[in-house]
Amino acid sequence: MTQEIKIYRVSGNYIKVHRKYEFNKLVRSVSEKNAVDKVLDVVSSQRIKRRKIKVTSVEIVPEDECDDVYINALAELQ
Protein backbone atom coordinates (compact mmCIF):
# COMPACT_ATOMS: atom_id res chain seq x y z
CA MET A 1 0.00 0.00 0.00
CA THR A 2 1.64 3.23 -1.15
CA GLN A 3 0.62 6.64 0.06
CA GLU A 4 0.54 9.63 -2.23
CA ILE A 5 2.76 12.58 -1.37
CA LYS A 6 0.94 15.91 -1.46
CA ILE A 7 2.01 19.54 -1.17
CA TYR A 8 0.73 21.36 1.92
CA ARG A 9 0.73 25.06 2.75
CA VAL A 10 1.06 25.56 6.50
CA SER A 11 0.34 29.04 7.83
CA GLY A 12 0.81 30.38 11.31
CA ASN A 13 2.49 32.90 13.56
CA TYR A 14 4.83 33.24 16.52
CA ILE A 15 6.03 35.97 18.85
CA LYS A 16 9.73 36.69 19.21
CA VAL A 17 11.11 39.62 21.23
CA HIS A 18 7.69 41.26 21.60
CA ARG A 19 7.06 41.21 17.85
CA LYS A 20 4.59 39.02 15.98
CA TYR A 21 5.80 37.19 12.88
CA GLU A 22 3.65 35.33 10.36
CA PHE A 23 4.79 32.50 8.10
CA ASN A 24 3.58 30.46 5.14
CA LYS A 25 5.58 27.32 4.40
CA LEU A 26 5.17 24.84 1.56
CA VAL A 27 6.14 21.24 2.36
CA ARG A 28 5.73 17.86 0.70
CA SER A 29 4.29 15.26 3.01
CA VAL A 30 2.17 12.15 3.19
CA SER A 31 -0.26 13.50 5.78
CA GLU A 32 -1.37 16.78 7.31
CA LYS A 33 0.10 15.83 10.69
CA ASN A 34 3.54 15.15 9.17
CA ALA A 35 3.41 18.46 7.27
CA VAL A 36 2.74 20.40 10.48
CA ASP A 37 5.55 18.53 12.24
CA LYS A 38 8.03 19.38 9.46
CA VAL A 39 7.11 23.07 9.61
CA LEU A 40 7.42 23.10 13.40
CA ASP A 41 10.90 21.58 13.04
CA VAL A 42 11.97 24.30 10.60
CA VAL A 43 10.53 27.22 12.54
CA SER A 44 11.68 25.98 15.95
CA SER A 45 15.23 25.60 14.63
CA GLN A 46 15.40 29.41 14.72
CA ARG A 47 15.47 29.33 18.54
CA ILE A 48 11.69 29.58 18.99
CA LYS A 49 9.94 27.19 21.35
CA ARG A 50 7.24 25.00 19.83
CA ARG A 51 4.71 26.16 22.39
CA LYS A 52 5.06 29.74 21.09
CA ILE A 53 4.26 28.71 17.49
CA LYS A 54 0.60 28.77 16.51
CA VAL A 55 -0.45 26.99 13.31
CA THR A 56 -3.55 28.68 11.93
CA SER A 57 -4.25 26.72 8.74
CA VAL A 58 -3.14 23.72 6.73
CA GLU A 59 -4.32 23.29 3.14
CA ILE A 60 -3.46 21.10 0.18
CA VAL A 61 -1.95 22.99 -2.75
CA PRO A 62 -2.23 21.64 -6.33
CA GLU A 63 1.12 21.09 -8.04
CA ASP A 64 0.37 23.64 -10.77
CA GLU A 65 -0.24 26.41 -8.17
CA CYS A 66 2.99 25.76 -6.26
CA ASP A 67 5.58 28.47 -6.94
CA ASP A 68 8.45 27.01 -4.87
CA VAL A 69 11.26 25.87 -7.19
CA TYR A 70 12.60 23.27 -4.74
CA ILE A 71 9.18 21.67 -4.18
CA ASN A 72 8.52 21.57 -7.94
CA ALA A 73 11.90 19.93 -8.60
CA LEU A 74 11.15 17.24 -6.01
CA ALA A 75 7.73 16.62 -7.56
CA GLU A 76 9.31 16.10 -11.00
CA LEU A 77 11.68 13.44 -9.68
CA GLN A 78 8.87 11.01 -8.93
PDB file of N, CA and C in Angstrom:
ATOM      1  N   MET A   1       0.847  -1.177   0.000  1.00  0.00           N
ATOM      2  CA  MET A   1       0.000   0.000   0.000  1.00  0.00           C
ATOM      3  C   MET A   1       0.895   1.243   0.000  1.00  0.00           C
ATOM      4  N   THR A   2       0.838   2.012  -1.057  1.00  0.00           N
ATOM      5  CA  THR A   2       1.635   3.229  -1.149  1.00  0.00           C
ATOM      6  C   THR A   2       0.750   4.434  -0.873  1.00  0.00           C
ATOM      7  N   GLN A   3       1.350   5.416  -0.236  1.00  0.00           N
ATOM      8  CA  GLN A   3       0.621   6.642   0.058  1.00  0.00           C
ATOM      9  C   GLN A   3       1.114   7.736  -0.873  1.00  0.00           C
ATOM     10  N   GLU A   4       0.199   8.561  -1.309  1.00  0.00           N
ATOM     11  CA  GLU A   4       0.540   9.630  -2.235  1.00  0.00           C
ATOM     12  C   GLU A   4       1.082  10.837  -1.476  1.00  0.00           C
ATOM     13  N   ILE A   5       2.164  11.395  -1.974  1.00  0.00           N
ATOM     14  CA  ILE A   5       2.757  12.579  -1.366  1.00  0.00           C
ATOM     15  C   ILE A   5       2.075  13.808  -1.947  1.00  0.00           C
ATOM     16  N   LYS A   6       1.643  14.697  -1.057  1.00  0.00           N
ATOM     17  CA  LYS A   6       0.942  15.915  -1.463  1.00  0.00           C
ATOM     18  C   LYS A   6       1.736  17.128  -1.012  1.00  0.00           C
ATOM     19  N   ILE A   7       1.391  18.276  -1.556  1.00  0.00           N
ATOM     20  CA  ILE A   7       2.014  19.542  -1.169  1.00  0.00           C
ATOM     21  C   ILE A   7       1.036  20.266  -0.243  1.00  0.00           C
ATOM     22  N   TYR A   8       1.543  20.661   0.926  1.00  0.00           N
ATOM     23  CA  TYR A   8       0.733  21.357   1.916  1.00  0.00           C
ATOM     24  C   TYR A   8       1.278  22.765   2.135  1.00  0.00           C
ATOM     25  N   ARG A   9       0.361  23.710   2.334  1.00  0.00           N
ATOM     26  CA  ARG A   9       0.730  25.061   2.747  1.00  0.00           C
ATOM     27  C   ARG A   9       0.309  25.203   4.212  1.00  0.00           C
ATOM     28  N   VAL A  10       1.303  25.416   5.071  1.00  0.00           N
ATOM     29  CA  VAL A  10       1.057  25.559   6.495  1.00  0.00           C
ATOM     30  C   VAL A  10       1.274  27.027   6.857  1.00  0.00           C
ATOM     31  N   SER A  11       0.268  27.639   7.439  1.00  0.00           N
ATOM     32  CA  SER A  11       0.335  29.044   7.827  1.00  0.00           C
ATOM     33  C   SER A  11       0.223  29.154   9.338  1.00  0.00           C
ATOM     34  N   GLY A  12       0.877  30.170   9.871  1.00  0.00           N
ATOM     35  CA  GLY A  12       0.810  30.377  11.308  1.00  0.00           C
ATOM     36  C   GLY A  12       1.539  31.627  11.723  1.00  0.00           C
ATOM     37  N   ASN A  13       1.772  31.746  13.036  1.00  0.00           N
ATOM     38  CA  ASN A  13       2.486  32.898  13.562  1.00  0.00           C
ATOM     39  C   ASN A  13       3.207  32.516  14.845  1.00  0.00           C
ATOM     40  N   TYR A  14       4.124  33.389  15.252  1.00  0.00           N
ATOM     41  CA  TYR A  14       4.825  33.239  16.519  1.00  0.00           C
ATOM     42  C   TYR A  14       5.272  34.616  16.987  1.00  0.00           C
ATOM     43  N   ILE A  15       5.567  34.711  18.273  1.00  0.00           N
ATOM     44  CA  ILE A  15       6.029  35.969  18.845  1.00  0.00           C
ATOM     45  C   ILE A  15       7.473  35.785  19.284  1.00  0.00           C
ATOM     46  N   LYS A  16       8.325  36.713  18.853  1.00  0.00           N
ATOM     47  CA  LYS A  16       9.734  36.693  19.214  1.00  0.00           C
ATOM     48  C   LYS A  16      10.153  38.114  19.549  1.00  0.00           C
ATOM     49  N   VAL A  17      10.663  38.316  20.730  1.00  0.00           N
ATOM     50  CA  VAL A  17      11.115  39.619  21.235  1.00  0.00           C
ATOM     51  C   VAL A  17      10.005  40.672  21.071  1.00  0.00           C
ATOM     52  N   HIS A  18       8.836  40.347  21.577  1.00  0.00           N
ATOM     53  CA  HIS A  18       7.686  41.260  21.600  1.00  0.00           C
ATOM     54  C   HIS A  18       7.233  41.698  20.212  1.00  0.00           C
ATOM     55  N   ARG A  19       7.503  40.898  19.212  1.00  0.00           N
ATOM     56  CA  ARG A  19       7.060  41.205  17.852  1.00  0.00           C
ATOM     57  C   ARG A  19       6.428  39.964  17.259  1.00  0.00           C
ATOM     58  N   LYS A  20       5.320  40.142  16.556  1.00  0.00           N
ATOM     59  CA  LYS A  20       4.591  39.021  15.979  1.00  0.00           C
ATOM     60  C   LYS A  20       5.032  38.798  14.539  1.00  0.00           C
ATOM     61  N   TYR A  21       5.386  37.565  14.222  1.00  0.00           N
ATOM     62  CA  TYR A  21       5.802  37.191  12.875  1.00  0.00           C
ATOM     63  C   TYR A  21       4.809  36.177  12.316  1.00  0.00           C
ATOM     64  N   GLU A  22       4.515  36.289  11.036  1.00  0.00           N
ATOM     65  CA  GLU A  22       3.650  35.328  10.359  1.00  0.00           C
ATOM     66  C   GLU A  22       4.472  34.560   9.343  1.00  0.00           C
ATOM     67  N   PHE A  23       4.068  33.313   9.076  1.00  0.00           N
ATOM     68  CA  PHE A  23       4.786  32.505   8.100  1.00  0.00           C
ATOM     69  C   PHE A  23       3.817  31.683   7.265  1.00  0.00           C
ATOM     70  N   ASN A  24       4.248  31.373   6.055  1.00  0.00           N
ATOM     71  CA  ASN A  24       3.578  30.458   5.135  1.00  0.00           C
ATOM     72  C   ASN A  24       4.662  29.546   4.579  1.00  0.00           C
ATOM     73  N   LYS A  25       4.569  28.265   4.858  1.00  0.00           N
ATOM     74  CA  LYS A  25       5.582  27.318   4.399  1.00  0.00           C
ATOM     75  C   LYS A  25       4.922  26.259   3.525  1.00  0.00           C
ATOM     76  N   LEU A  26       5.596  25.927   2.428  1.00  0.00           N
ATOM     77  CA  LEU A  26       5.166  24.836   1.563  1.00  0.00           C
ATOM     78  C   LEU A  26       6.035  23.620   1.854  1.00  0.00           C
ATOM     79  N   VAL A  27       5.406  22.478   2.110  1.00  0.00           N
ATOM     80  CA  VAL A  27       6.141  21.242   2.360  1.00  0.00           C
ATOM     81  C   VAL A  27       5.459  20.095   1.634  1.00  0.00           C
ATOM     82  N   ARG A  28       6.267  19.100   1.273  1.00  0.00           N
ATOM     83  CA  ARG A  28       5.728  17.865   0.702  1.00  0.00           C
ATOM     84  C   ARG A  28       5.642  16.846   1.815  1.00  0.00           C
ATOM     85  N   SER A  29       4.483  16.211   1.929  1.00  0.00           N
ATOM     86  CA  SER A  29       4.294  15.260   3.008  1.00  0.00           C
ATOM     87  C   SER A  29       3.197  14.269   2.646  1.00  0.00           C
ATOM     88  N   VAL A  30       3.174  13.186   3.402  1.00  0.00           N
ATOM     89  CA  VAL A  30       2.168  12.152   3.190  1.00  0.00           C
ATOM     90  C   VAL A  30       0.857  12.515   3.872  1.00  0.00           C
ATOM     91  N   SER A  31       0.944  13.149   5.048  1.00  0.00           N
ATOM     92  CA  SER A  31      -0.262  13.499   5.784  1.00  0.00           C
ATOM     93  C   SER A  31      -0.166  14.924   6.321  1.00  0.00           C
ATOM     94  N   GLU A  32      -1.294  15.427   6.750  1.00  0.00           N
ATOM     95  CA  GLU A  32      -1.368  16.781   7.305  1.00  0.00           C
ATOM     96  C   GLU A  32      -0.559  16.874   8.600  1.00  0.00           C
ATOM     97  N   LYS A  33      -0.630  15.849   9.413  1.00  0.00           N
ATOM     98  CA  LYS A  33       0.104  15.831  10.686  1.00  0.00           C
ATOM     99  C   LYS A  33       1.616  15.886  10.444  1.00  0.00           C
ATOM    100  N   ASN A  34       2.111  15.134   9.478  1.00  0.00           N
ATOM    101  CA  ASN A  34       3.538  15.147   9.166  1.00  0.00           C
ATOM    102  C   ASN A  34       3.966  16.498   8.603  1.00  0.00           C
ATOM    103  N   ALA A  35       3.098  17.141   7.826  1.00  0.00           N
ATOM    104  CA  ALA A  35       3.415  18.461   7.275  1.00  0.00           C
ATOM    105  C   ALA A  35       3.563  19.486   8.388  1.00  0.00           C
ATOM    106  N   VAL A  36       2.656  19.469   9.352  1.00  0.00           N
ATOM    107  CA  VAL A  36       2.740  20.400  10.478  1.00  0.00           C
ATOM    108  C   VAL A  36       4.011  20.142  11.279  1.00  0.00           C
ATOM    109  N   ASP A  37       4.349  18.877  11.482  1.00  0.00           N
ATOM    110  CA  ASP A  37       5.550  18.533  12.241  1.00  0.00           C
ATOM    111  C   ASP A  37       6.817  19.016  11.536  1.00  0.00           C
ATOM    112  N   LYS A  38       6.868  18.893  10.206  1.00  0.00           N
ATOM    113  CA  LYS A  38       8.026  19.383   9.458  1.00  0.00           C
ATOM    114  C   LYS A  38       8.175  20.892   9.582  1.00  0.00           C
ATOM    115  N   VAL A  39       7.066  21.611   9.500  1.00  0.00           N
ATOM    116  CA  VAL A  39       7.112  23.068   9.613  1.00  0.00           C
ATOM    117  C   VAL A  39       7.524  23.478  11.020  1.00  0.00           C
ATOM    118  N   LEU A  40       7.008  22.791  12.032  1.00  0.00           N
ATOM    119  CA  LEU A  40       7.417  23.100  13.404  1.00  0.00           C
ATOM    120  C   LEU A  40       8.908  22.860  13.595  1.00  0.00           C
ATOM    121  N   ASP A  41       9.457  21.829  12.966  1.00  0.00           N
ATOM    122  CA  ASP A  41      10.899  21.581  13.040  1.00  0.00           C
ATOM    123  C   ASP A  41      11.688  22.734  12.437  1.00  0.00           C
ATOM    124  N   VAL A  42      11.252  23.217  11.291  1.00  0.00           N
ATOM    125  CA  VAL A  42      11.974  24.296  10.603  1.00  0.00           C
ATOM    126  C   VAL A  42      11.889  25.600  11.395  1.00  0.00           C
ATOM    127  N   VAL A  43      10.705  25.959  11.838  1.00  0.00           N
ATOM    128  CA  VAL A  43      10.529  27.224  12.535  1.00  0.00           C
ATOM    129  C   VAL A  43      11.187  27.178  13.916  1.00  0.00           C
ATOM    130  N   SER A  44      11.081  26.058  14.616  1.00  0.00           N
ATOM    131  CA  SER A  44      11.676  25.981  15.950  1.00  0.00           C
ATOM    132  C   SER A  44      13.198  25.894  15.894  1.00  0.00           C
ATOM    133  N   SER A  45      13.777  25.613  14.747  1.00  0.00           N
ATOM    134  CA  SER A  45      15.227  25.600  14.630  1.00  0.00           C
ATOM    135  C   SER A  45      15.807  27.015  14.683  1.00  0.00           C
ATOM    136  N   GLN A  46      14.958  28.020  14.624  1.00  0.00           N
ATOM    137  CA  GLN A  46      15.396  29.414  14.720  1.00  0.00           C
ATOM    138  C   GLN A  46      15.281  29.931  16.149  1.00  0.00           C
ATOM    139  N   ARG A  47      15.476  29.037  17.112  1.00  0.00           N
ATOM    140  CA  ARG A  47      15.475  29.334  18.543  1.00  0.00           C
ATOM    141  C   ARG A  47      14.126  29.867  19.023  1.00  0.00           C
ATOM    142  N   ILE A  48      13.045  29.252  18.555  1.00  0.00           N
ATOM    143  CA  ILE A  48      11.694  29.578  18.992  1.00  0.00           C
ATOM    144  C   ILE A  48      11.097  28.299  19.556  1.00  0.00           C
ATOM    145  N   LYS A  49      10.525  28.379  20.730  1.00  0.00           N
ATOM    146  CA  LYS A  49       9.945  27.188  21.348  1.00  0.00           C
ATOM    147  C   LYS A  49       8.659  26.796  20.630  1.00  0.00           C
ATOM    148  N   ARG A  50       8.433  25.495  20.534  1.00  0.00           N
ATOM    149  CA  ARG A  50       7.244  25.003  19.829  1.00  0.00           C
ATOM    150  C   ARG A  50       5.956  25.516  20.444  1.00  0.00           C
ATOM    151  N   ARG A  51       5.942  25.696  21.749  1.00  0.00           N
ATOM    152  CA  ARG A  51       4.712  26.159  22.395  1.00  0.00           C
ATOM    153  C   ARG A  51       4.368  27.601  22.033  1.00  0.00           C
ATOM    154  N   LYS A  52       5.316  28.357  21.496  1.00  0.00           N
ATOM    155  CA  LYS A  52       5.062  29.742  21.086  1.00  0.00           C
ATOM    156  C   LYS A  52       4.628  29.839  19.622  1.00  0.00           C
ATOM    157  N   ILE A  53       4.649  28.725  18.897  1.00  0.00           N
ATOM    158  CA  ILE A  53       4.265  28.711  17.487  1.00  0.00           C
ATOM    159  C   ILE A  53       2.804  28.288  17.386  1.00  0.00           C
ATOM    160  N   LYS A  54       2.011  29.078  16.697  1.00  0.00           N
ATOM    161  CA  LYS A  54       0.596  28.766  16.508  1.00  0.00           C
ATOM    162  C   LYS A  54       0.335  28.521  15.027  1.00  0.00           C
ATOM    163  N   VAL A  55      -0.093  27.325  14.686  1.00  0.00           N
ATOM    164  CA  VAL A  55      -0.447  26.985  13.309  1.00  0.00           C
ATOM    165  C   VAL A  55      -1.910  27.350  13.117  1.00  0.00           C
ATOM    166  N   THR A  56      -2.186  28.208  12.138  1.00  0.00           N
ATOM    167  CA  THR A  56      -3.555  28.681  11.933  1.00  0.00           C
ATOM    168  C   THR A  56      -4.290  27.914  10.836  1.00  0.00           C
ATOM    169  N   SER A  57      -3.566  27.466   9.796  1.00  0.00           N
ATOM    170  CA  SER A  57      -4.255  26.719   8.743  1.00  0.00           C
ATOM    171  C   SER A  57      -3.299  25.784   8.021  1.00  0.00           C
ATOM    172  N   VAL A  58      -3.869  24.699   7.542  1.00  0.00           N
ATOM    173  CA  VAL A  58      -3.142  23.721   6.728  1.00  0.00           C
ATOM    174  C   VAL A  58      -4.038  23.396   5.544  1.00  0.00           C
ATOM    175  N   GLU A  59      -3.508  23.563   4.331  1.00  0.00           N
ATOM    176  CA  GLU A  59      -4.320  23.288   3.140  1.00  0.00           C
ATOM    177  C   GLU A  59      -3.477  22.590   2.080  1.00  0.00           C
ATOM    178  N   ILE A  60      -4.125  21.789   1.281  1.00  0.00           N
ATOM    179  CA  ILE A  60      -3.462  21.096   0.182  1.00  0.00           C
ATOM    180  C   ILE A  60      -3.371  22.054  -1.003  1.00  0.00           C
ATOM    181  N   VAL A  61      -2.189  22.108  -1.611  1.00  0.00           N
ATOM    182  CA  VAL A  61      -1.945  22.988  -2.752  1.00  0.00           C
ATOM    183  C   VAL A  61      -1.748  22.122  -3.993  1.00  0.00           C
ATOM    184  N   PRO A  62      -2.478  22.385  -5.079  1.00  0.00           N
ATOM    185  CA  PRO A  62      -2.234  21.641  -6.325  1.00  0.00           C
ATOM    186  C   PRO A  62      -0.826  21.925  -6.854  1.00  0.00           C
ATOM    187  N   GLU A  63      -0.248  20.952  -7.541  1.00  0.00           N
ATOM    188  CA  GLU A  63       1.120  21.092  -8.036  1.00  0.00           C
ATOM    189  C   GLU A  63       1.275  22.258  -9.005  1.00  0.00           C
ATOM    190  N   ASP A  64       0.250  22.553  -9.795  1.00  0.00           N
ATOM    191  CA  ASP A  64       0.369  23.639 -10.771  1.00  0.00           C
ATOM    192  C   ASP A  64       0.305  25.026 -10.120  1.00  0.00           C
ATOM    193  N   GLU A  65      -0.187  25.134  -8.874  1.00  0.00           N
ATOM    194  CA  GLU A  65      -0.243  26.408  -8.172  1.00  0.00           C
ATOM    195  C   GLU A  65       0.965  26.638  -7.268  1.00  0.00           C
ATOM    196  N   CYS A  66       1.815  25.644  -7.119  1.00  0.00           N
ATOM    197  CA  CYS A  66       2.991  25.758  -6.260  1.00  0.00           C
ATOM    198  C   CYS A  66       4.064  26.562  -6.981  1.00  0.00           C
ATOM    199  N   ASP A  67       4.578  27.614  -6.317  1.00  0.00           N
ATOM    200  CA  ASP A  67       5.584  28.468  -6.943  1.00  0.00           C
ATOM    201  C   ASP A  67       6.979  28.271  -6.344  1.00  0.00           C
ATOM    202  N   ASP A  68       7.148  27.293  -5.477  1.00  0.00           N
ATOM    203  CA  ASP A  68       8.447  27.007  -4.872  1.00  0.00           C
ATOM    204  C   ASP A  68       9.261  26.113  -5.816  1.00  0.00           C
ATOM    205  N   VAL A  69      10.423  26.577  -6.220  1.00  0.00           N
ATOM    206  CA  VAL A  69      11.258  25.870  -7.188  1.00  0.00           C
ATOM    207  C   VAL A  69      11.718  24.525  -6.634  1.00  0.00           C
ATOM    208  N   TYR A  70      12.110  24.500  -5.363  1.00  0.00           N
ATOM    209  CA  TYR A  70      12.602  23.273  -4.740  1.00  0.00           C
ATOM    210  C   TYR A  70      11.500  22.210  -4.664  1.00  0.00           C
ATOM    211  N   ILE A  71      10.306  22.605  -4.274  1.00  0.00           N
ATOM    212  CA  ILE A  71       9.176  21.668  -4.177  1.00  0.00           C
ATOM    213  C   ILE A  71       8.829  21.139  -5.565  1.00  0.00           C
ATOM    214  N   ASN A  72       8.821  22.005  -6.580  1.00  0.00           N
ATOM    215  CA  ASN A  72       8.524  21.568  -7.941  1.00  0.00           C
ATOM    216  C   ASN A  72       9.570  20.599  -8.473  1.00  0.00           C
ATOM    217  N   ALA A  73      10.832  20.832  -8.152  1.00  0.00           N
ATOM    218  CA  ALA A  73      11.902  19.928  -8.597  1.00  0.00           C
ATOM    219  C   ALA A  73      11.755  18.559  -7.950  1.00  0.00           C
ATOM    220  N   LEU A  74      11.375  18.528  -6.687  1.00  0.00           N
ATOM    221  CA  LEU A  74      11.147  17.244  -6.010  1.00  0.00           C
ATOM    222  C   LEU A  74       9.952  16.510  -6.613  1.00  0.00           C
ATOM    223  N   ALA A  75       8.920  17.240  -6.988  1.00  0.00           N
ATOM    224  CA  ALA A  75       7.729  16.619  -7.561  1.00  0.00           C
ATOM    225  C   ALA A  75       8.033  16.008  -8.928  1.00  0.00           C
ATOM    226  N   GLU A  76       8.955  16.620  -9.679  1.00  0.00           N
ATOM    227  CA  GLU A  76       9.307  16.098 -10.998  1.00  0.00           C
ATOM    228  C   GLU A  76      10.146  14.837 -10.927  1.00  0.00           C
ATOM    229  N   LEU A  77      10.834  14.619  -9.807  1.00  0.00           N
ATOM    230  CA  LEU A  77      11.684  13.439  -9.680  1.00  0.00           C
ATOM    231  C   LEU A  77      10.883  12.150  -9.552  1.00  0.00           C
ATOM    232  N   GLN A  78       9.667  12.227  -9.111  1.00  0.00           N
ATOM    233  CA  GLN A  78       8.871  11.014  -8.925  1.00  0.00           C
ATOM    234  C   GLN A  78       8.451  10.427 -10.216  1.00  0.00           C
TER     235      GLN A  78
END
